[in-house]
Each structure stands twice: as C-alpha cells, then as structure tokens.
C-alpha cells in the first residue's frame, strides 16, 4: 500500500544530501517513488491520464531526476495530446542524459506533431546515430523529410532503412512516395508494388498505388488499386473520391458519378466540409458530362456554398446553367468566379470547358458573350496562360 501523504511530505523536507548519504533512506524513498510509478502505469494504461500525471508529479517531487518517471510523464502528455508539455519533459530528460534515446524519440515525435519538423529531424538524426534498429523512427524520419520537401534526403534515408528492414511495408511505401516526388517513377512503382505484395490487406499501400499509377498515366492500374482499397475499407470516403477522380480521367463518368456519390454520403455523415466540397465538385462534373444538367447545377451550387472562394465549382455551375438555358444565372456564376481571380481555373475550367460545350452545341444561348468576357479577362492577365501551360496550378479532381 502507498505510504501516507504525511510520510511523503516528510520525505520532501529531508535534504537530498542526507538521503543520498544514507543508502537505507535512499532505498526507502525510492520505494515510495516506485509505488507512485506503478499507480501511474495502471492509470496510464487504463486511459486515466490526469490521475497518471498526478502520481508522476508526486514521484518527481521526491526524485526530480528520476528518468523512468520523466519518461512515463512525457509519454502520458503525448498520449493526452499535450505535445508542448511532452517536449518540455523529454527536454528535461536530455538535460540529465544527453544521449537518452527514449527522450530523443519522444521529443522528436512530439515536435513532429507540433509542426516543428526541422527540430524533429534533428532529434531523429541524433537518435539514429545512437540506435538504428527502430523501424518506426526510420519511418517518421523519412516522413518528416518528405513533409519538408527534402526529397533527395528522404530517398537516401528510405534506401538506408530498406536495407535494414526490407519487409517493413510502411518504409517501402514511404520510399515509393519519395521516389515519386523525385520523379523516379519506375522505382516508385517497384516499391509500391512490393509494399502491396508484402501486405495485401494494407489499405494505405493501395491508396498510394492509385496515386502513383494515376500520376504516371497508368489509369487502369490506378483504378484496380483503388478498387482494392475500397474493398478493404468500404467506409473510407477518400477511397471512393480517389476512384471517382480516376474514372473521370478515363472518361467513365457513370462510375465517376457512382463513386463521388458514395464519397458524398460518407462525408456528409462525417461532417467533413473539405472532403464534401471535393465530392460535390466531382459529382457536379460527372453529372455534367452525363448530360444531367439539373443535378450538375445542384451539386456545384452546394460545393459553392461550402467554399465560396473556390472558383472552379462556380465555373462548373455556370456551365450547367447555360446548358439549362438559364443565361442570367449562368452569367452571374461566371462573373462571381472571375472575381476570385483564379487564373489556372480560368484557363482550364472556364475557357476550355466552355469552348468544348460550344463545339458540341454551336448555338448555345449566352455562351459566346460569356466566352468573349473570359478571353478578355485572360488577356488582361497573361500569367494565367503561363501557369496553365506549365501545369503549376493546384491539383484538383479533374
């Protein structure tokens, strides 16, 4: 049983010089600390983080430099998402023991989640200079480098880790991502295929395979990978949304519409505004390509409601309204989109799509006047042409 609070207070007032000078006293006090650590561990593993923190603080009041207590406290703060506090505790450990790998790992993870990625990378490097047999740290290190766009370094780190852990699926996937970012597409495909083979039930590998194959123009293989991801995780809206984008690229708009609708339903349930905006945008475009003008306009209008500052759904809305013969409302939608001054969207989703529509329907009411205004706006902003031609605009479902 834990000694009384009174006795703990007594321990705190006995000078450390006396306690450390008498091995018996030191052992007795450490026994109290160990009791607190056991109680903290039980509370931690049951999810009672506040109780665990209280026990650990009591232990550290007796022995402020106890590394086990500090390590546990840092871990409890991390688990309870108090990352700033976690960093402070692990830093305290490193003040005591500069080469403590538990502290380096814990602080690196917390710094990473705080977005202090450069500091995290420094701690990952220090950890790996002392200990190389932790695949989780290798994976987080590669991921941090990718997040900082340090692609060459990420590739080098991933290749080193792969040599040591050739069957680690997470590391193979990260290396595939690094290769892809670095333009080494054949290597990226080889790595992601290896990851999918090593663990055919890992959804993330097939999601990444879909991204890589789509990026390298192998859309049928992208579709195959994403269908497998859907089968593994049918409640993940991202799988359906990614598959809808691939179907769009293949011109299979019925399947695009079907998957966008599934994503929309799941995202509505999850109250995910950003994802729902993308699903509605994709759904609006699929409906447009299928000649379902009313449904296209409805989906695009809802996308606009969710993100009024996004130009591309507004252009899609204007296009669908034109097809319905609602020239006034279409003109208003195009004008609102132009006011947002999204030059890449102007070239692709406005001028390009409207030109295609006019080729299909030569006497489309209101289209010529709107196209003239769009072209005039583009001439006033020549940078739009440069950005569209070199493909530097932000990615979109189209």
Protein backbone atom coordinates (compact mmCIF):
# COMPACT_ATOMS: atom_id res chain seq x y z
CA UNK A 1 0.00 0.00 0.00
CA UNK A 2 1.19 3.50 -0.79
CA UNK A 3 2.63 5.25 2.24
CA UNK A 4 0.54 8.08 3.67
CA UNK A 5 0.59 11.57 2.20
CA UNK A 6 2.02 12.73 5.52
CA UNK A 7 5.07 10.47 5.14
CA UNK A 8 5.54 11.66 1.56
CA UNK A 9 5.63 15.24 2.81
CA UNK A 10 8.24 14.18 5.34
CA UNK A 11 10.38 12.71 2.58
CA UNK A 12 10.24 16.02 0.73
CA UNK A 13 11.64 18.02 3.61
CA UNK A 14 14.58 15.71 4.25
CA UNK A 15 17.56 17.24 2.41
CA UNK A 16 18.85 15.23 -0.55
CA UNK A 17 22.36 15.34 0.84
CA UNK A 18 21.17 13.36 3.85
CA UNK A 19 19.12 10.89 1.82
CA UNK A 20 21.91 10.24 -0.69
CA UNK A 21 24.40 9.86 2.15
CA UNK A 22 22.37 7.08 3.76
CA UNK A 23 21.71 4.14 1.41
CA UNK A 24 18.88 2.88 3.59
CA UNK A 25 17.00 6.16 3.41
CA UNK A 26 17.65 6.43 -0.31
CA UNK A 27 16.24 2.96 -0.86
CA UNK A 28 13.15 3.69 1.24
CA UNK A 29 12.39 6.90 -0.62
CA UNK A 30 12.91 5.22 -3.97
CA UNK A 31 10.42 2.57 -2.88
CA UNK A 32 7.80 5.30 -2.47
CA UNK A 33 8.64 6.61 -5.93
CA UNK A 34 8.26 3.12 -7.39
CA UNK A 35 4.84 2.78 -5.79
CA UNK A 36 3.77 6.03 -7.45
CA UNK A 37 5.16 4.80 -10.78
CA UNK A 38 3.16 1.58 -10.53
CA UNK A 39 -0.04 3.51 -9.81
CA UNK A 40 0.76 5.89 -12.67
CA UNK A 41 1.33 3.00 -15.04
CA UNK A 42 -2.02 1.43 -14.15
CA UNK A 43 -3.80 4.76 -14.64
CA UNK A 44 -1.96 5.43 -17.92
CA UNK A 45 -2.86 2.09 -19.46
CA UNK A 46 -6.50 2.48 -18.42
CA UNK A 47 -6.65 5.91 -20.09
CA UNK A 48 -6.89 7.87 -16.82
CA UNK A 49 -4.25 10.38 -17.89
CA UNK A 50 -4.97 13.06 -15.28
CA UNK A 51 -4.59 10.52 -12.48
CA UNK A 52 -1.37 9.20 -14.01
CA UNK A 53 0.04 12.73 -14.25
CA UNK A 54 -0.80 13.35 -10.58
CA UNK A 55 1.06 10.22 -9.45
CA UNK A 56 4.06 11.07 -11.62
CA UNK A 57 4.24 14.62 -10.35
CA UNK A 58 4.18 13.27 -6.79
CA UNK A 59 7.01 10.88 -7.66
CA UNK A 60 9.06 13.65 -9.27
CA UNK A 61 8.52 15.88 -6.26
CA UNK A 62 10.55 13.30 -4.35
CA UNK A 63 13.09 12.47 -7.06
CA UNK A 64 13.10 15.21 -9.74
CA UNK A 65 15.75 13.48 -11.84
CA UNK A 66 14.14 10.04 -11.97
CA UNK A 67 14.38 9.17 -15.67
CA UNK A 68 11.72 6.47 -15.54
CA UNK A 69 9.21 8.87 -14.02
CA UNK A 70 10.11 11.58 -16.55
CA UNK A 71 9.85 9.17 -19.49
CA UNK A 72 6.43 7.99 -18.33
CA UNK A 73 5.24 11.55 -17.78
CA UNK A 74 6.39 12.58 -21.25
CA UNK A 75 4.54 9.59 -22.71
CA UNK A 76 1.34 10.40 -20.79
CA UNK A 77 1.42 14.00 -22.01
CA UNK A 78 1.96 12.71 -25.55
CA UNK A 79 -0.94 10.25 -25.29
CA UNK A 80 -3.20 13.03 -24.00
CA UNK A 81 -2.13 15.24 -26.92
CA UNK A 82 -0.35 17.75 -24.69
CA UNK A 83 2.61 17.87 -27.02
CA UNK A 84 4.18 21.08 -25.71
CA UNK A 85 4.29 19.61 -22.22
CA UNK A 86 5.67 16.39 -23.64
CA UNK A 87 8.50 18.29 -25.33
CA UNK A 88 9.37 20.02 -22.05
CA UNK A 89 9.55 16.76 -20.13
CA UNK A 90 11.67 14.97 -22.73
CA UNK A 91 13.95 18.02 -22.91
CA UNK A 92 14.37 17.77 -19.14
CA UNK A 93 15.43 14.15 -19.60
CA UNK A 94 18.02 15.20 -22.17
CA UNK A 95 19.38 17.82 -19.77
CA UNK A 96 20.04 14.93 -17.39
CA UNK A 97 21.18 12.40 -20.00
CA UNK A 98 22.14 13.96 -23.34
CA UNK A 99 22.26 10.58 -25.09
CA UNK A 100 18.96 9.20 -23.80
CA UNK A 101 17.34 7.59 -26.84
CA UNK A 102 13.88 7.32 -25.25
CA UNK A 103 13.89 11.08 -24.72
CA UNK A 104 15.16 11.79 -28.22
CA UNK A 105 12.47 9.60 -29.76
CA UNK A 106 9.68 11.01 -27.61
CA UNK A 107 10.69 14.62 -28.21
CA UNK A 108 11.06 14.05 -31.96
CA UNK A 109 7.57 12.58 -32.22
CA UNK A 110 6.05 15.44 -30.22
CA UNK A 111 7.92 18.11 -32.18
CA UNK A 112 6.78 16.49 -35.43
CA UNK A 113 3.13 16.66 -34.39
CA UNK A 114 3.57 20.28 -33.37
CA UNK A 115 4.76 21.09 -36.89
CA UNK A 116 8.28 21.85 -35.69
CA UNK A 117 9.60 19.50 -38.31
CA UNK A 118 13.17 20.78 -38.62
CA UNK A 119 13.68 20.33 -34.88
CA UNK A 120 12.14 16.86 -35.09
CA UNK A 121 14.52 15.93 -37.93
CA UNK A 122 17.48 16.93 -35.77
CA UNK A 123 16.29 14.63 -32.99
CA UNK A 124 15.59 11.79 -35.43
CA UNK A 125 19.15 12.13 -36.74
CA UNK A 126 20.60 12.09 -33.24
CA UNK A 127 18.51 9.05 -32.31
CA UNK A 128 19.56 7.14 -35.42
CA UNK A 129 23.21 7.97 -34.81
CA UNK A 130 22.87 6.13 -31.49
CA UNK A 131 20.37 3.42 -32.34
CA UNK A 132 19.46 2.14 -35.79
CA UNK A 133 17.15 -0.79 -35.02
CA UNK A 134 13.86 1.11 -34.65
CA UNK A 135 11.84 0.98 -37.91
CA UNK A 136 9.25 3.39 -36.53
CA UNK A 137 11.83 6.13 -36.10
CA UNK A 138 13.20 5.46 -39.59
CA UNK A 139 9.67 5.79 -40.98
CA UNK A 140 8.93 9.02 -39.12
CA UNK A 141 12.29 10.44 -40.22
CA UNK A 142 11.56 9.75 -43.90
CA UNK A 143 8.06 11.16 -43.50
CA UNK A 144 9.40 14.33 -41.88
CA UNK A 145 11.88 14.82 -44.72
CA UNK A 146 9.06 14.41 -47.26
CA UNK A 147 6.95 16.96 -45.38
CA UNK A 148 9.83 19.43 -45.69
CA UNK A 149 10.20 18.68 -49.43
CA UNK A 150 13.69 17.31 -48.79
CA UNK A 151 13.14 14.66 -51.42
CA UNK A 152 16.74 13.59 -52.08
CA UNK A 153 17.38 13.22 -48.36
CA UNK A 154 14.14 11.26 -47.96
CA UNK A 155 15.19 8.89 -50.72
CA UNK A 156 18.61 8.36 -49.14
CA UNK A 157 17.09 7.78 -45.70
CA UNK A 158 14.45 5.44 -47.14
CA UNK A 159 17.03 3.40 -49.01
CA UNK A 160 19.14 3.03 -45.85
CA UNK A 161 16.10 1.91 -43.89
CA UNK A 162 15.03 -0.51 -46.62
CA UNK A 163 18.43 -2.23 -46.42
CA UNK A 164 17.89 -2.86 -42.74
CA UNK A 165 14.14 -3.56 -42.83
CA UNK A 166 13.34 -4.89 -46.33
CA UNK A 167 9.96 -6.29 -45.29
CA UNK A 168 8.66 -3.22 -43.48
CA UNK A 169 5.62 -2.18 -45.51
CA UNK A 170 5.44 1.34 -44.11
CA UNK A 171 9.04 2.06 -45.07
CA UNK A 172 8.56 0.63 -48.56
CA UNK A 173 5.53 2.86 -49.05
CA UNK A 174 7.37 5.95 -47.86
CA UNK A 175 10.27 5.18 -50.18
CA UNK A 176 7.77 4.80 -53.04
CA UNK A 177 6.38 8.24 -52.20
CA UNK A 178 9.89 9.70 -52.10
CA UNK A 179 10.77 8.20 -55.47
CA UNK A 180 7.52 9.52 -56.93
CA UNK A 181 8.15 13.02 -55.58
CA UNK A 182 11.66 12.87 -57.03
CA UNK A 183 10.43 11.88 -60.49
CA UNK A 184 11.80 8.34 -60.26
CA UNK A 185 8.55 6.80 -61.42
CA UNK A 186 9.78 3.31 -62.28
CA UNK A 187 11.37 2.99 -58.84
CA UNK A 188 8.18 4.34 -57.24
CA UNK A 189 6.09 1.71 -58.99
CA UNK A 190 8.51 -1.06 -58.00
CA UNK A 191 8.43 -0.01 -54.35
CA UNK A 192 4.67 0.35 -54.05
CA UNK A 193 4.13 -2.97 -55.80
CA UNK A 194 6.50 -4.57 -53.28
CA UNK A 195 4.56 -2.96 -50.42
CA UNK A 196 1.24 -4.23 -51.79
CA UNK A 197 2.67 -7.73 -52.18
CA UNK A 198 4.15 -7.78 -48.68
CA UNK A 199 0.80 -6.88 -47.11
CA UNK A 200 -2.19 -7.20 -49.45
CA UNK A 201 -4.52 -6.07 -46.66
CA UNK A 202 -2.90 -2.69 -46.02
CA UNK A 203 -5.22 -0.02 -47.36
CA UNK A 204 -2.64 2.78 -47.35
CA UNK A 205 -0.41 0.92 -49.80
CA UNK A 206 -3.18 0.56 -52.36
CA UNK A 207 -4.24 4.18 -51.88
CA UNK A 208 -0.69 5.27 -52.64
CA UNK A 209 -0.50 2.85 -55.57
CA UNK A 210 -3.57 4.54 -57.01
CA UNK A 211 -1.93 7.95 -56.67
CA UNK A 212 1.33 6.80 -58.25
CA UNK A 213 -0.29 5.00 -61.17
CA UNK A 214 -2.58 7.95 -61.82
CA UNK A 215 0.39 10.29 -61.79
CA UNK A 216 2.31 8.12 -64.24
CA UNK A 217 -0.66 7.88 -66.58
CA UNK A 218 -1.44 4.22 -65.85
CA UNK A 219 -5.06 4.94 -65.02
CA UNK A 220 -6.35 1.39 -65.43
CA UNK A 221 -3.82 0.16 -62.87
CA UNK A 222 -4.76 3.10 -60.64
CA UNK A 223 -8.39 2.07 -60.85
CA UNK A 224 -7.52 -1.53 -59.99
CA UNK A 225 -5.52 -0.46 -56.93
CA UNK A 226 -8.24 1.89 -55.70
CA UNK A 227 -10.97 -0.69 -56.18
CA UNK A 228 -8.96 -2.98 -53.95
CA UNK A 229 -8.63 -0.17 -51.40
CA UNK A 230 -12.41 0.24 -51.48
CA UNK A 231 -12.90 -3.48 -50.90
CA UNK A 232 -10.54 -3.38 -47.90
CA UNK A 233 -12.06 -0.25 -46.37
CA UNK A 234 -15.56 0.36 -47.76
CA UNK A 235 -16.33 3.09 -45.22
CA UNK A 236 -13.44 5.35 -46.19
CA UNK A 237 -14.72 8.20 -48.38
CA UNK A 238 -11.21 9.04 -49.60
CA UNK A 239 -11.10 5.71 -51.45
CA UNK A 240 -14.28 6.48 -53.35
CA UNK A 241 -13.23 10.06 -54.04
CA UNK A 242 -9.86 8.96 -55.43
CA UNK A 243 -11.53 6.29 -57.54
CA UNK A 244 -14.01 8.86 -58.85
CA UNK A 245 -11.09 11.03 -59.97
CA UNK A 246 -9.53 8.12 -61.85
CA UNK A 247 -12.84 7.25 -63.51
CA UNK A 248 -13.11 10.90 -64.55
CA UNK A 249 -9.70 10.66 -66.20
CA UNK A 250 -10.78 7.51 -68.01
CA UNK A 251 -13.95 9.18 -69.24
CA UNK A 252 -16.11 6.62 -67.42
CA UNK A 253 -18.49 9.16 -65.97
CA UNK A 254 -21.13 6.72 -64.75
CA UNK A 255 -18.55 5.12 -62.45
CA UNK A 256 -17.19 8.54 -61.56
CA UNK A 257 -20.67 9.65 -60.55
CA UNK A 258 -21.33 6.47 -58.58
CA UNK A 259 -18.13 6.76 -56.54
CA UNK A 260 -18.47 10.51 -55.99
CA UNK A 261 -21.99 9.92 -54.68
CA UNK A 262 -20.74 7.27 -52.23
CA UNK A 263 -17.99 9.62 -51.04
CA UNK A 264 -20.56 12.41 -50.63
CA UNK A 265 -22.81 10.24 -48.46
CA UNK A 266 -19.97 9.17 -46.17
CA UNK A 267 -18.56 12.69 -45.90
CA UNK A 268 -21.96 14.12 -45.01
CA UNK A 269 -22.20 11.63 -42.17
CA UNK A 270 -18.70 12.56 -41.02
CA UNK A 271 -19.39 16.32 -41.26
CA UNK A 272 -16.19 16.68 -43.29
CA UNK A 273 -16.66 20.01 -45.07
CA UNK A 274 -13.45 19.94 -47.09
CA UNK A 275 -13.99 16.41 -48.31
CA UNK A 276 -17.66 17.05 -49.04
CA UNK A 277 -16.75 20.08 -51.13
CA UNK A 278 -14.46 17.91 -53.27
CA UNK A 279 -17.08 15.16 -53.61
CA UNK A 280 -19.74 17.64 -54.69
CA UNK A 281 -17.37 19.23 -57.16
CA UNK A 282 -16.56 15.84 -58.67
CA UNK A 283 -20.23 14.83 -58.65
CA UNK A 284 -21.22 18.06 -60.37
CA UNK A 285 -18.70 17.45 -63.14
CA UNK A 286 -19.69 13.80 -63.62
CA UNK A 287 -23.35 14.78 -63.89
CA UNK A 288 -22.43 17.47 -66.39
CA UNK A 289 -20.53 15.03 -68.59
CA UNK A 290 -23.53 12.67 -68.44
CA UNK A 291 -25.88 15.43 -69.60
CA UNK A 292 -27.64 15.61 -66.23
CA UNK A 293 -27.63 19.41 -66.19
CA UNK A 294 -30.00 19.95 -63.25
CA UNK A 295 -28.19 17.52 -60.97
CA UNK A 296 -24.87 19.01 -62.06
CA UNK A 297 -26.00 22.52 -61.17
CA UNK A 298 -27.36 21.36 -57.81
CA UNK A 299 -24.12 19.61 -56.82
CA UNK A 300 -21.94 22.51 -57.98
CA UNK A 301 -24.15 25.02 -56.14
CA UNK A 302 -23.74 23.05 -52.91
CA UNK A 303 -19.98 22.93 -53.45
CA UNK A 304 -20.00 26.73 -53.84
CA UNK A 305 -21.98 27.09 -50.61
CA UNK A 306 -19.36 25.10 -48.73
CA UNK A 307 -16.40 27.01 -50.20
CA UNK A 308 -17.47 30.33 -51.71
CA UNK A 309 -13.88 31.29 -52.53
CA UNK A 310 -13.30 28.32 -54.86
CA UNK A 311 -13.60 29.42 -58.48
CA UNK A 312 -13.74 26.09 -60.28
CA UNK A 313 -17.10 24.84 -58.95
CA UNK A 314 -18.54 28.25 -59.86
CA UNK A 315 -17.36 27.82 -63.43
CA UNK A 316 -18.90 24.33 -63.50
CA UNK A 317 -22.13 25.77 -62.11
CA UNK A 318 -22.22 28.42 -64.83
CA UNK A 319 -21.67 25.78 -67.49
CA UNK A 320 -24.51 23.58 -66.22
CA UNK A 321 -26.85 26.57 -66.00
CA UNK A 322 -26.02 27.53 -69.58
CA UNK A 323 -26.95 24.04 -70.68
CA UNK A 324 -30.32 24.50 -68.97
CA UNK A 325 -30.85 27.78 -70.78
CA UNK A 326 -30.58 29.88 -67.62
CA UNK A 327 -28.35 32.52 -69.20
CA UNK A 328 -28.76 35.17 -66.49
CA UNK A 329 -27.88 32.85 -63.64
CA UNK A 330 -25.02 31.38 -65.66
CA UNK A 331 -23.61 34.85 -66.34
CA UNK A 332 -23.78 35.65 -62.63
CA UNK A 333 -21.96 32.41 -61.76
CA UNK A 334 -19.18 33.14 -64.25
CA UNK A 335 -18.86 36.74 -63.03
CA UNK A 336 -18.58 35.61 -59.42
CA UNK A 337 -15.90 33.10 -60.39
CA UNK A 338 -13.92 35.73 -62.35
CA UNK A 339 -13.97 38.00 -59.32
CA UNK A 340 -11.97 35.36 -57.42
CA UNK A 341 -9.12 35.79 -59.94
CA UNK A 342 -8.10 32.12 -60.11
CA UNK A 343 -6.10 32.21 -63.32
CA UNK A 344 -5.47 28.47 -63.62
CA UNK A 345 -9.18 27.76 -63.21
CA UNK A 346 -9.96 30.42 -65.80
CA UNK A 347 -7.90 28.67 -68.45
CA UNK A 348 -8.92 25.08 -67.73
CA UNK A 349 -12.34 25.05 -66.13
CA UNK A 350 -13.74 28.15 -67.76
CA UNK A 351 -12.39 28.78 -71.23
CA UNK A 352 -11.53 25.19 -72.06
CA UNK A 353 -14.79 23.66 -70.89
CA UNK A 354 -16.97 26.38 -72.37
CA UNK A 355 -15.17 26.07 -75.71
CA UNK A 356 -15.85 22.32 -75.68
CA UNK A 357 -19.51 22.95 -74.86
CA UNK A 358 -19.85 25.37 -77.76
CA UNK A 359 -18.29 22.83 -80.11
CA UNK A 360 -20.95 20.35 -79.06
CA UNK A 361 -23.81 22.85 -79.17
CA UNK A 362 -22.96 25.59 -81.68
CA UNK A 363 -25.88 27.83 -80.84
CA UNK A 364 -25.72 27.55 -77.06
CA UNK A 365 -27.55 30.69 -75.83
CA UNK A 366 -25.37 33.17 -73.96
CA UNK A 367 -22.20 31.16 -74.44
CA UNK A 368 -20.47 33.39 -76.99
CA UNK A 369 -20.80 36.53 -74.87
CA UNK A 370 -19.51 34.76 -71.76
CA UNK A 371 -16.59 33.22 -73.66
CA UNK A 372 -15.66 36.63 -75.02
CA UNK A 373 -15.56 38.06 -71.50
CA UNK A 374 -13.48 35.13 -70.24
CA UNK A 375 -10.97 35.53 -73.05
CA UNK A 376 -10.73 39.28 -72.45
CA UNK A 377 -10.05 38.63 -68.78
CA UNK A 378 -7.34 36.11 -69.69
CA UNK A 379 -5.63 38.64 -71.97
CA UNK A 380 -5.52 41.14 -69.13
CA UNK A 381 -3.71 38.52 -67.03
CA UNK A 382 -1.14 36.82 -69.30
CA UNK A 383 0.41 34.99 -66.37
CA UNK A 384 -2.63 32.72 -66.44
CA UNK A 385 -1.53 31.28 -69.76
CA UNK A 386 1.95 30.57 -68.46
CA UNK A 387 0.71 28.83 -65.34
CA UNK A 388 -1.80 26.69 -67.18
CA UNK A 389 0.71 25.68 -69.86
CA UNK A 390 3.35 24.56 -67.36
CA UNK A 391 0.88 22.83 -65.08
CA UNK A 392 1.77 24.67 -61.89
CA UNK A 393 -1.79 25.17 -60.74
CA UNK A 394 -3.09 23.45 -57.63
CA UNK A 395 -4.25 19.85 -58.07
CA UNK A 396 -7.97 19.26 -58.49
CA UNK A 397 -10.34 16.35 -59.09
CA UNK A 398 -10.39 16.98 -62.81
